[in-house]
Amino acid sequence: MVYAIVRAGGRQEKVSVGDTIVINRVAGEPGQSVDFTPVLLVDGDAVTSAKGDLEKVTVSAEKVEDLRGPKIRILKYKNKTGYKKRQGHRQELTRLKITGIA
């Protein structure tokens, strides 16, 4: 089994060919290709972590869709002063399908 650890969207994700991952928003249109440089590569029993060897390897993914995460409600309240503040947030996300590790 071949898999790689890639840094994407501020996090590290374990990916193999055919996997679908959701990361922070990536610019581009659906159907476009996105390339990542792996942090670690595992091919069966062989583990590659040397920086020089990893620069030759690329993980390619296809952008499937843009989406938004769940709504998060932020409430601030101060007792006895009448101060109330409500704010919402939805994270911009992208779904990617891993197409190759080469």
PDB file of N, CA and C in Angstrom:
ATOM      1  N   MET A   1       0.846  -1.184   0.000  1.00  0.00           N
ATOM      2  CA  MET A   1       0.000   0.000   0.000  1.00  0.00           C
ATOM      3  C   MET A   1       0.889   1.244   0.000  1.00  0.00           C
ATOM      4  N   VAL A   2       0.624   2.143  -0.908  1.00  0.00           N
ATOM      5  CA  VAL A   2       1.379   3.387  -1.013  1.00  0.00           C
ATOM      6  C   VAL A   2       0.529   4.518  -0.460  1.00  0.00           C
ATOM      7  N   TYR A   3       1.090   5.266   0.478  1.00  0.00           N
ATOM      8  CA  TYR A   3       0.415   6.469   0.949  1.00  0.00           C
ATOM      9  C   TYR A   3       1.447   7.530   1.272  1.00  0.00           C
ATOM     10  N   ALA A   4       0.970   8.757   1.379  1.00  0.00           N
ATOM     11  CA  ALA A   4       1.856   9.888   1.639  1.00  0.00           C
ATOM     12  C   ALA A   4       1.209  10.788   2.677  1.00  0.00           C
ATOM     13  N   ILE A   5       2.035  11.487   3.405  1.00  0.00           N
ATOM     14  CA  ILE A   5       1.579  12.528   4.320  1.00  0.00           C
ATOM     15  C   ILE A   5       1.890  13.853   3.637  1.00  0.00           C
ATOM     16  N   VAL A   6       0.847  14.661   3.382  1.00  0.00           N
ATOM     17  CA  VAL A   6       1.039  15.951   2.723  1.00  0.00           C
ATOM     18  C   VAL A   6       0.575  17.074   3.638  1.00  0.00           C
ATOM     19  N   ARG A   7       1.201  18.230   3.477  1.00  0.00           N
ATOM     20  CA  ARG A   7       0.790  19.417   4.220  1.00  0.00           C
ATOM     21  C   ARG A   7      -0.146  20.204   3.325  1.00  0.00           C
ATOM     22  N   ALA A   8      -1.403  20.326   3.762  1.00  0.00           N
ATOM     23  CA  ALA A   8      -2.404  21.006   2.949  1.00  0.00           C
ATOM     24  C   ALA A   8      -3.356  21.760   3.858  1.00  0.00           C
ATOM     25  N   GLY A   9      -3.542  23.023   3.576  1.00  0.00           N
ATOM     26  CA  GLY A   9      -4.499  23.811   4.332  1.00  0.00           C
ATOM     27  C   GLY A   9      -4.125  24.000   5.789  1.00  0.00           C
ATOM     28  N   GLY A  10      -2.829  24.029   6.093  1.00  0.00           N
ATOM     29  CA  GLY A  10      -2.400  24.247   7.468  1.00  0.00           C
ATOM     30  C   GLY A  10      -2.389  22.986   8.311  1.00  0.00           C
ATOM     31  N   ARG A  11      -2.747  21.849   7.734  1.00  0.00           N
ATOM     32  CA  ARG A  11      -2.746  20.581   8.456  1.00  0.00           C
ATOM     33  C   ARG A  11      -1.981  19.552   7.638  1.00  0.00           C
ATOM     34  N   GLN A  12      -1.681  18.429   8.266  1.00  0.00           N
ATOM     35  CA  GLN A  12      -1.075  17.317   7.551  1.00  0.00           C
ATOM     36  C   GLN A  12      -2.133  16.241   7.367  1.00  0.00           C
ATOM     37  N   GLU A  13      -2.241  15.726   6.142  1.00  0.00           N
ATOM     38  CA  GLU A  13      -3.253  14.732   5.803  1.00  0.00           C
ATOM     39  C   GLU A  13      -2.565  13.476   5.278  1.00  0.00           C
ATOM     40  N   LYS A  14      -3.082  12.304   5.686  1.00  0.00           N
ATOM     41  CA  LYS A  14      -2.607  11.032   5.147  1.00  0.00           C
ATOM     42  C   LYS A  14      -3.468  10.706   3.934  1.00  0.00           C
ATOM     43  N   VAL A  15      -2.833  10.561   2.759  1.00  0.00           N
ATOM     44  CA  VAL A  15      -3.581  10.342   1.524  1.00  0.00           C
ATOM     45  C   VAL A  15      -3.009   9.169   0.740  1.00  0.00           C
ATOM     46  N   SER A  16      -3.882   8.495   0.018  1.00  0.00           N
ATOM     47  CA  SER A  16      -3.475   7.493  -0.962  1.00  0.00           C
ATOM     48  C   SER A  16      -4.339   7.718  -2.203  1.00  0.00           C
ATOM     49  N   VAL A  17      -4.009   7.058  -3.285  1.00  0.00           N
ATOM     50  CA  VAL A  17      -4.713   7.276  -4.559  1.00  0.00           C
ATOM     51  C   VAL A  17      -6.175   6.860  -4.402  1.00  0.00           C
ATOM     52  N   GLY A  18      -7.076   7.751  -4.838  1.00  0.00           N
ATOM     53  CA  GLY A  18      -8.507   7.489  -4.756  1.00  0.00           C
ATOM     54  C   GLY A  18      -9.186   8.097  -3.541  1.00  0.00           C
ATOM     55  N   ASP A  19      -8.409   8.581  -2.576  1.00  0.00           N
ATOM     56  CA  ASP A  19      -8.987   9.191  -1.370  1.00  0.00           C
ATOM     57  C   ASP A  19      -9.589  10.550  -1.700  1.00  0.00           C
ATOM     58  N   THR A  20     -10.565  10.949  -0.900  1.00  0.00           N
ATOM     59  CA  THR A  20     -11.163  12.278  -0.987  1.00  0.00           C
ATOM     60  C   THR A  20     -10.900  12.986   0.326  1.00  0.00           C
ATOM     61  N   ILE A  21     -10.341  14.202   0.251  1.00  0.00           N
ATOM     62  CA  ILE A  21     -10.055  14.969   1.466  1.00  0.00           C
ATOM     63  C   ILE A  21     -10.729  16.337   1.369  1.00  0.00           C
ATOM     64  N   VAL A  22     -10.985  16.922   2.528  1.00  0.00           N
ATOM     65  CA  VAL A  22     -11.554  18.267   2.607  1.00  0.00           C
ATOM     66  C   VAL A  22     -10.531  19.138   3.327  1.00  0.00           C
ATOM     67  N   ILE A  23     -10.090  20.208   2.639  1.00  0.00           N
ATOM     68  CA  ILE A  23      -9.092  21.116   3.204  1.00  0.00           C
ATOM     69  C   ILE A  23      -9.601  22.545   3.076  1.00  0.00           C
ATOM     70  N   ASN A  24      -8.832  23.493   3.635  1.00  0.00           N
ATOM     71  CA  ASN A  24      -9.183  24.904   3.484  1.00  0.00           C
ATOM     72  C   ASN A  24      -9.192  25.277   2.010  1.00  0.00           C
ATOM     73  N   ARG A  25      -9.939  26.318   1.665  1.00  0.00           N
ATOM     74  CA  ARG A  25     -10.198  26.717   0.284  1.00  0.00           C
ATOM     75  C   ARG A  25      -8.918  26.851  -0.521  1.00  0.00           C
ATOM     76  N   VAL A  26      -8.938  26.252  -1.722  1.00  0.00           N
ATOM     77  CA  VAL A  26      -7.853  26.340  -2.693  1.00  0.00           C
ATOM     78  C   VAL A  26      -8.400  27.066  -3.913  1.00  0.00           C
ATOM     79  N   ALA A  27      -7.657  28.032  -4.441  1.00  0.00           N
ATOM     80  CA  ALA A  27      -8.106  28.793  -5.603  1.00  0.00           C
ATOM     81  C   ALA A  27      -8.155  27.901  -6.832  1.00  0.00           C
ATOM     82  N   GLY A  28      -9.089  28.191  -7.716  1.00  0.00           N
ATOM     83  CA  GLY A  28      -9.202  27.453  -8.967  1.00  0.00           C
ATOM     84  C   GLY A  28     -10.608  26.946  -9.189  1.00  0.00           C
ATOM     85  N   GLU A  29     -10.824  26.411 -10.388  1.00  0.00           N
ATOM     86  CA  GLU A  29     -12.129  25.889 -10.781  1.00  0.00           C
ATOM     87  C   GLU A  29     -12.196  24.389 -10.531  1.00  0.00           C
ATOM     88  N   PRO A  30     -13.406  23.853 -10.307  1.00  0.00           N
ATOM     89  CA  PRO A  30     -13.544  22.394 -10.192  1.00  0.00           C
ATOM     90  C   PRO A  30     -13.048  21.702 -11.455  1.00  0.00           C
ATOM     91  N   GLY A  31     -12.319  20.600 -11.276  1.00  0.00           N
ATOM     92  CA  GLY A  31     -11.729  19.878 -12.397  1.00  0.00           C
ATOM     93  C   GLY A  31     -10.259  20.183 -12.599  1.00  0.00           C
ATOM     94  N   GLN A  32      -9.776  21.281 -12.007  1.00  0.00           N
ATOM     95  CA  GLN A  32      -8.360  21.622 -12.136  1.00  0.00           C
ATOM     96  C   GLN A  32      -7.511  20.720 -11.248  1.00  0.00           C
ATOM     97  N   SER A  33      -6.241  20.640 -11.577  1.00  0.00           N
ATOM     98  CA  SER A  33      -5.308  19.803 -10.840  1.00  0.00           C
ATOM     99  C   SER A  33      -4.543  20.639  -9.809  1.00  0.00           C
ATOM    100  N   VAL A  34      -4.299  20.043  -8.655  1.00  0.00           N
ATOM    101  CA  VAL A  34      -3.535  20.674  -7.577  1.00  0.00           C
ATOM    102  C   VAL A  34      -2.419  19.715  -7.191  1.00  0.00           C
ATOM    103  N   ASP A  35      -1.192  20.225  -7.028  1.00  0.00           N
ATOM    104  CA  ASP A  35      -0.054  19.381  -6.666  1.00  0.00           C
ATOM    105  C   ASP A  35       0.441  19.725  -5.279  1.00  0.00           C
ATOM    106  N   PHE A  36       0.850  18.694  -4.537  1.00  0.00           N
ATOM    107  CA  PHE A  36       1.404  18.850  -3.196  1.00  0.00           C
ATOM    108  C   PHE A  36       2.756  18.155  -3.134  1.00  0.00           C
ATOM    109  N   THR A  37       3.624  18.658  -2.263  1.00  0.00           N
ATOM    110  CA  THR A  37       4.887  17.989  -1.980  1.00  0.00           C
ATOM    111  C   THR A  37       4.713  17.215  -0.682  1.00  0.00           C
ATOM    112  N   PRO A  38       5.004  15.924  -0.677  1.00  0.00           N
ATOM    113  CA  PRO A  38       4.774  15.142   0.542  1.00  0.00           C
ATOM    114  C   PRO A  38       5.801  15.439   1.624  1.00  0.00           C
ATOM    115  N   VAL A  39       5.386  15.206   2.875  1.00  0.00           N
ATOM    116  CA  VAL A  39       6.268  15.327   4.029  1.00  0.00           C
ATOM    117  C   VAL A  39       6.875  13.966   4.335  1.00  0.00           C
ATOM    118  N   LEU A  40       6.110  12.885   4.032  1.00  0.00           N
ATOM    119  CA  LEU A  40       6.542  11.513   4.273  1.00  0.00           C
ATOM    120  C   LEU A  40       5.898  10.632   3.210  1.00  0.00           C
ATOM    121  N   LEU A  41       6.623   9.621   2.740  1.00  0.00           N
ATOM    122  CA  LEU A  41       6.097   8.701   1.737  1.00  0.00           C
ATOM    123  C   LEU A  41       6.341   7.284   2.207  1.00  0.00           C
ATOM    124  N   VAL A  42       5.289   6.454   2.199  1.00  0.00           N
ATOM    125  CA  VAL A  42       5.399   5.058   2.600  1.00  0.00           C
ATOM    126  C   VAL A  42       4.982   4.203   1.414  1.00  0.00           C
ATOM    127  N   ASP A  43       5.903   3.336   0.959  1.00  0.00           N
ATOM    128  CA  ASP A  43       5.633   2.420  -0.151  1.00  0.00           C
ATOM    129  C   ASP A  43       5.909   1.010   0.353  1.00  0.00           C
ATOM    130  N   GLY A  44       4.869   0.350   0.862  1.00  0.00           N
ATOM    131  CA  GLY A  44       5.050  -0.980   1.446  1.00  0.00           C
ATOM    132  C   GLY A  44       5.876  -0.873   2.712  1.00  0.00           C
ATOM    133  N   ASP A  45       7.074  -1.469   2.702  1.00  0.00           N
ATOM    134  CA  ASP A  45       7.965  -1.398   3.862  1.00  0.00           C
ATOM    135  C   ASP A  45       8.955  -0.242   3.769  1.00  0.00           C
ATOM    136  N   ALA A  46       9.073   0.372   2.590  1.00  0.00           N
ATOM    137  CA  ALA A  46      10.036   1.455   2.387  1.00  0.00           C
ATOM    138  C   ALA A  46       9.420   2.788   2.819  1.00  0.00           C
ATOM    139  N   VAL A  47      10.067   3.441   3.779  1.00  0.00           N
ATOM    140  CA  VAL A  47       9.616   4.746   4.269  1.00  0.00           C
ATOM    141  C   VAL A  47      10.620   5.788   3.812  1.00  0.00           C
ATOM    142  N   THR A  48      10.133   6.813   3.102  1.00  0.00           N
ATOM    143  CA  THR A  48      10.995   7.876   2.599  1.00  0.00           C
ATOM    144  C   THR A  48      10.693   9.159   3.346  1.00  0.00           C
ATOM    145  N   SER A  49      11.696   9.693   4.036  1.00  0.00           N
ATOM    146  CA  SER A  49      11.505  10.951   4.749  1.00  0.00           C
ATOM    147  C   SER A  49      12.625  11.948   4.467  1.00  0.00           C
ATOM    148  N   ALA A  50      13.600  11.568   3.642  1.00  0.00           N
ATOM    149  CA  ALA A  50      14.703  12.463   3.305  1.00  0.00           C
ATOM    150  C   ALA A  50      14.204  13.574   2.387  1.00  0.00           C
ATOM    151  N   LYS A  51      14.585  14.789   2.705  1.00  0.00           N
ATOM    152  CA  LYS A  51      14.098  15.950   1.960  1.00  0.00           C
ATOM    153  C   LYS A  51      14.476  15.891   0.484  1.00  0.00           C
ATOM    154  N   GLY A  52      15.681  15.455   0.185  1.00  0.00           N
ATOM    155  CA  GLY A  52      16.128  15.369  -1.200  1.00  0.00           C
ATOM    156  C   GLY A  52      15.313  14.377  -2.018  1.00  0.00           C
ATOM    157  N   ASP A  53      14.956  13.250  -1.428  1.00  0.00           N
ATOM    158  CA  ASP A  53      14.161  12.244  -2.140  1.00  0.00           C
ATOM    159  C   ASP A  53      12.711  12.689  -2.293  1.00  0.00           C
ATOM    160  N   LEU A  54      12.180  13.403  -1.305  1.00  0.00           N
ATOM    161  CA  LEU A  54      10.779  13.827  -1.350  1.00  0.00           C
ATOM    162  C   LEU A  54      10.542  14.948  -2.348  1.00  0.00           C
ATOM    163  N   GLU A  55      11.581  15.719  -2.690  1.00  0.00           N
ATOM    164  CA  GLU A  55      11.422  16.796  -3.667  1.00  0.00           C
ATOM    165  C   GLU A  55      11.129  16.241  -5.063  1.00  0.00           C
ATOM    166  N   LYS A  56      11.501  14.972  -5.312  1.00  0.00           N
ATOM    167  CA  LYS A  56      11.250  14.346  -6.611  1.00  0.00           C
ATOM    168  C   LYS A  56       9.825  13.793  -6.714  1.00  0.00           C
ATOM    169  N   VAL A  57       9.138  13.677  -5.567  1.00  0.00           N
ATOM    170  CA  VAL A  57       7.809  13.067  -5.532  1.00  0.00           C
ATOM    171  C   VAL A  57       6.753  14.164  -5.478  1.00  0.00           C
ATOM    172  N   THR A  58       5.671  13.996  -6.254  1.00  0.00           N
ATOM    173  CA  THR A  58       4.537  14.915  -6.178  1.00  0.00           C
ATOM    174  C   THR A  58       3.259  14.122  -5.977  1.00  0.00           C
ATOM    175  N   VAL A  59       2.361  14.698  -5.205  1.00  0.00           N
ATOM    176  CA  VAL A  59       1.026  14.129  -5.004  1.00  0.00           C
ATOM    177  C   VAL A  59       0.066  15.024  -5.763  1.00  0.00           C
ATOM    178  N   SER A  60      -0.639  14.460  -6.732  1.00  0.00           N
ATOM    179  CA  SER A  60      -1.556  15.259  -7.536  1.00  0.00           C
ATOM    180  C   SER A  60      -2.992  14.957  -7.128  1.00  0.00           C
ATOM    181  N   ALA A  61      -3.803  16.003  -7.154  1.00  0.00           N
ATOM    182  CA  ALA A  61      -5.209  15.889  -6.774  1.00  0.00           C
ATOM    183  C   ALA A  61      -6.052  16.698  -7.739  1.00  0.00           C
ATOM    184  N   GLU A  62      -7.300  16.311  -7.861  1.00  0.00           N
ATOM    185  CA  GLU A  62      -8.248  17.026  -8.706  1.00  0.00           C
ATOM    186  C   GLU A  62      -9.271  17.708  -7.815  1.00  0.00           C
ATOM    187  N   LYS A  63      -9.515  18.976  -8.094  1.00  0.00           N
ATOM    188  CA  LYS A  63     -10.474  19.739  -7.309  1.00  0.00           C
ATOM    189  C   LYS A  63     -11.881  19.296  -7.689  1.00  0.00           C
ATOM    190  N   VAL A  64     -12.656  18.827  -6.701  1.00  0.00           N
ATOM    191  CA  VAL A  64     -14.001  18.328  -6.954  1.00  0.00           C
ATOM    192  C   VAL A  64     -15.020  19.449  -6.807  1.00  0.00           C
ATOM    193  N   GLU A  65     -14.988  20.154  -5.670  1.00  0.00           N
ATOM    194  CA  GLU A  65     -15.982  21.205  -5.435  1.00  0.00           C
ATOM    195  C   GLU A  65     -15.515  22.138  -4.321  1.00  0.00           C
ATOM    196  N   ASP A  66     -16.115  23.321  -4.299  1.00  0.00           N
ATOM    197  CA  ASP A  66     -15.958  24.248  -3.186  1.00  0.00           C
ATOM    198  C   ASP A  66     -17.189  24.104  -2.308  1.00  0.00           C
ATOM    199  N   LEU A  67     -16.986  24.152  -1.011  1.00  0.00           N
ATOM    200  CA  LEU A  67     -18.098  24.052  -0.083  1.00  0.00           C
ATOM    201  C   LEU A  67     -17.814  24.886   1.151  1.00  0.00           C
ATOM    202  N   ARG A  68     -18.786  24.948   2.040  1.00  0.00           N
ATOM    203  CA  ARG A  68     -18.636  25.699   3.282  1.00  0.00           C
ATOM    204  C   ARG A  68     -18.905  24.764   4.448  1.00  0.00           C
ATOM    205  N   GLY A  69     -18.157  24.985   5.524  1.00  0.00           N
ATOM    206  CA  GLY A  69     -18.300  24.158   6.713  1.00  0.00           C
ATOM    207  C   GLY A  69     -19.559  24.512   7.486  1.00  0.00           C
ATOM    208  N   PRO A  70     -19.761  23.841   8.609  1.00  0.00           N
ATOM    209  CA  PRO A  70     -20.948  24.125   9.423  1.00  0.00           C
ATOM    210  C   PRO A  70     -20.867  25.512  10.055  1.00  0.00           C
ATOM    211  N   LYS A  71     -22.017  26.079  10.329  1.00  0.00           N
ATOM    212  CA  LYS A  71     -22.061  27.401  10.947  1.00  0.00           C
ATOM    213  C   LYS A  71     -21.639  27.297  12.402  1.00  0.00           C
ATOM    214  N   ILE A  72     -20.738  28.176  12.783  1.00  0.00           N
ATOM    215  CA  ILE A  72     -20.290  28.268  14.170  1.00  0.00           C
ATOM    216  C   ILE A  72     -20.814  29.577  14.725  1.00  0.00           C
ATOM    217  N   ARG A  73     -21.492  29.526  15.849  1.00  0.00           N
ATOM    218  CA  ARG A  73     -22.042  30.734  16.471  1.00  0.00           C
ATOM    219  C   ARG A  73     -21.147  31.162  17.616  1.00  0.00           C
ATOM    220  N   ILE A  74     -20.746  32.422  17.576  1.00  0.00           N
ATOM    221  CA  ILE A  74     -19.896  32.997  18.618  1.00  0.00           C
ATOM    222  C   ILE A  74     -20.763  33.958  19.417  1.00  0.00           C
ATOM    223  N   LEU A  75     -20.867  33.725  20.702  1.00  0.00           N
ATOM    224  CA  LEU A  75     -21.656  34.582  21.584  1.00  0.00           C
ATOM    225  C   LEU A  75     -20.741  35.186  22.631  1.00  0.00           C
ATOM    226  N   LYS A  76     -20.847  36.496  22.805  1.00  0.00           N
ATOM    227  CA  LYS A  76     -20.116  37.176  23.873  1.00  0.00           C
ATOM    228  C   LYS A  76     -21.143  37.846  24.770  1.00  0.00           C
ATOM    229  N   TYR A  77     -20.965  37.717  26.067  1.00  0.00           N
ATOM    230  CA  TYR A  77     -21.934  38.250  27.019  1.00  0.00           C
ATOM    231  C   TYR A  77     -21.199  38.732  28.251  1.00  0.00           C
ATOM    232  N   LYS A  78     -21.532  39.943  28.679  1.00  0.00           N
ATOM    233  CA  LYS A  78     -20.992  40.489  29.922  1.00  0.00           C
ATOM    234  C   LYS A  78     -22.150  40.660  30.895  1.00  0.00           C
ATOM    235  N   ASN A  79     -21.990  40.102  32.034  1.00  0.00           N
ATOM    236  CA  ASN A  79     -23.031  40.146  33.052  1.00  0.00           C
ATOM    237  C   ASN A  79     -23.218  41.576  33.598  1.00  0.00           C
ATOM    238  N   LYS A  80     -24.457  41.941  33.846  1.00  0.00           N
ATOM    239  CA  LYS A  80     -24.852  43.195  34.519  1.00  0.00           C
ATOM    240  C   LYS A  80     -24.599  44.466  33.710  1.00  0.00           C
ATOM    241  N   THR A  81     -24.098  44.363  32.491  1.00  0.00           N
ATOM    242  CA  THR A  81     -23.825  45.579  31.715  1.00  0.00           C
ATOM    243  C   THR A  81     -24.720  45.692  30.491  1.00  0.00           C
ATOM    244  N   GLY A  82     -25.425  44.651  30.137  1.00  0.00           N
ATOM    245  CA  GLY A  82     -26.266  44.674  28.952  1.00  0.00           C
ATOM    246  C   GLY A  82     -25.496  44.445  27.670  1.00  0.00           C
ATOM    247  N   TYR A  83     -24.233  44.033  27.776  1.00  0.00           N
ATOM    248  CA  TYR A  83     -23.410  43.818  26.594  1.00  0.00           C
ATOM    249  C   TYR A  83     -23.636  42.407  26.060  1.00  0.00           C
ATOM    250  N   LYS A  84     -24.138  42.320  24.833  1.00  0.00           N
ATOM    251  CA  LYS A  84     -24.306  41.042  24.151  1.00  0.00           C
ATOM    252  C   LYS A  84     -23.838  41.225  22.713  1.00  0.00           C
ATOM    253  N   LYS A  85     -23.131  40.240  22.207  1.00  0.00           N
ATOM    254  CA  LYS A  85     -22.675  40.297  20.835  1.00  0.00           C
ATOM    255  C   LYS A  85     -22.773  38.894  20.250  1.00  0.00           C
ATOM    256  N   ARG A  86     -23.358  38.790  19.064  1.00  0.00           N
ATOM    257  CA  ARG A  86     -23.481  37.502  18.403  1.00  0.00           C
ATOM    258  C   ARG A  86     -22.833  37.605  17.028  1.00  0.00           C
ATOM    259  N   GLN A  87     -22.060  36.592  16.697  1.00  0.00           N
ATOM    260  CA  GLN A  87     -21.347  36.568  15.429  1.00  0.00           C
ATOM    261  C   GLN A  87     -21.363  35.135  14.913  1.00  0.00           C
ATOM    262  N   GLY A  88     -21.381  34.953  13.596  1.00  0.00           N
ATOM    263  CA  GLY A  88     -21.350  33.629  13.004  1.00  0.00           C
ATOM    264  C   GLY A  88     -20.174  33.486  12.062  1.00  0.00           C
ATOM    265  N   HIS A  89     -19.799  32.240  11.795  1.00  0.00           N
ATOM    266  CA  HIS A  89     -18.678  31.971  10.891  1.00  0.00           C
ATOM    267  C   HIS A  89     -18.907  30.639  10.189  1.00  0.00           C
ATOM    268  N   ARG A  90     -18.620  30.606   8.882  1.00  0.00           N
ATOM    269  CA  ARG A  90     -18.603  29.365   8.114  1.00  0.00           C
ATOM    270  C   ARG A  90     -17.301  29.316   7.339  1.00  0.00           C
ATOM    271  N   GLN A  91     -16.519  28.278   7.571  1.00  0.00           N
ATOM    272  CA  GLN A  91     -15.208  28.145   6.939  1.00  0.00           C
ATOM    273  C   GLN A  91     -15.364  27.780   5.465  1.00  0.00           C
ATOM    274  N   GLU A  92     -14.569  28.412   4.612  1.00  0.00           N
ATOM    275  CA  GLU A  92     -14.543  28.109   3.179  1.00  0.00           C
ATOM    276  C   GLU A  92     -13.663  26.868   2.984  1.00  0.00           C
ATOM    277  N   LEU A  93     -14.194  25.817   2.355  1.00  0.00           N
ATOM    278  CA  LEU A  93     -13.496  24.553   2.202  1.00  0.00           C
ATOM    279  C   LEU A  93     -13.467  24.108   0.741  1.00  0.00           C
ATOM    280  N   THR A  94     -12.574  23.161   0.443  1.00  0.00           N
ATOM    281  CA  THR A  94     -12.467  22.558  -0.876  1.00  0.00           C
ATOM    282  C   THR A  94     -12.368  21.053  -0.716  1.00  0.00           C
ATOM    283  N   ARG A  95     -13.107  20.314  -1.544  1.00  0.00           N
ATOM    284  CA  ARG A  95     -13.007  18.846  -1.565  1.00  0.00           C
ATOM    285  C   ARG A  95     -12.103  18.447  -2.729  1.00  0.00           C
ATOM    286  N   LEU A  96     -11.087  17.622  -2.426  1.00  0.00           N
ATOM    287  CA  LEU A  96     -10.126  17.162  -3.421  1.00  0.00           C
ATOM    288  C   LEU A  96     -10.143  15.650  -3.516  1.00  0.00           C
ATOM    289  N   LYS A  97      -9.920  15.133  -4.728  1.00  0.00           N
ATOM    290  CA  LYS A  97      -9.769  13.693  -4.942  1.00  0.00           C
ATOM    291  C   LYS A  97      -8.336  13.440  -5.378  1.00  0.00           C
ATOM    292  N   ILE A  98      -7.631  12.574  -4.649  1.00  0.00           N
ATOM    293  CA  ILE A  98      -6.231  12.283  -4.936  1.00  0.00           C
ATOM    294  C   ILE A  98      -6.173  11.393  -6.171  1.00  0.00           C
ATOM    295  N   THR A  99      -5.432  11.844  -7.199  1.00  0.00           N
ATOM    296  CA  THR A  99      -5.393  11.124  -8.472  1.00  0.00           C
ATOM    297  C   THR A  99      -4.077  10.386  -8.682  1.00  0.00           C
ATOM    298  N   GLY A 100      -3.002  10.792  -8.000  1.00  0.00           N
ATOM    299  CA  GLY A 100      -1.736  10.088  -8.225  1.00  0.00           C
ATOM    300  C   GLY A 100      -0.654  10.470  -7.245  1.00  0.00           C
ATOM    301  N   ILE A 101       0.216   9.514  -6.987  1.00  0.00           N
ATOM    302  CA  ILE A 101       1.442   9.740  -6.204  1.00  0.00           C
ATOM    303  C   ILE A 101       2.592   9.268  -7.076  1.00  0.00           C
ATOM    304  N   ALA A 102       3.387  10.234  -7.557  1.00  0.00           N
ATOM    305  CA  ALA A 102       4.477   9.860  -8.466  1.00  0.00           C
ATOM    306  C   ALA A 102       5.753  10.599  -8.127  1.00  0.00           C
TER     307      ALA A 102
END
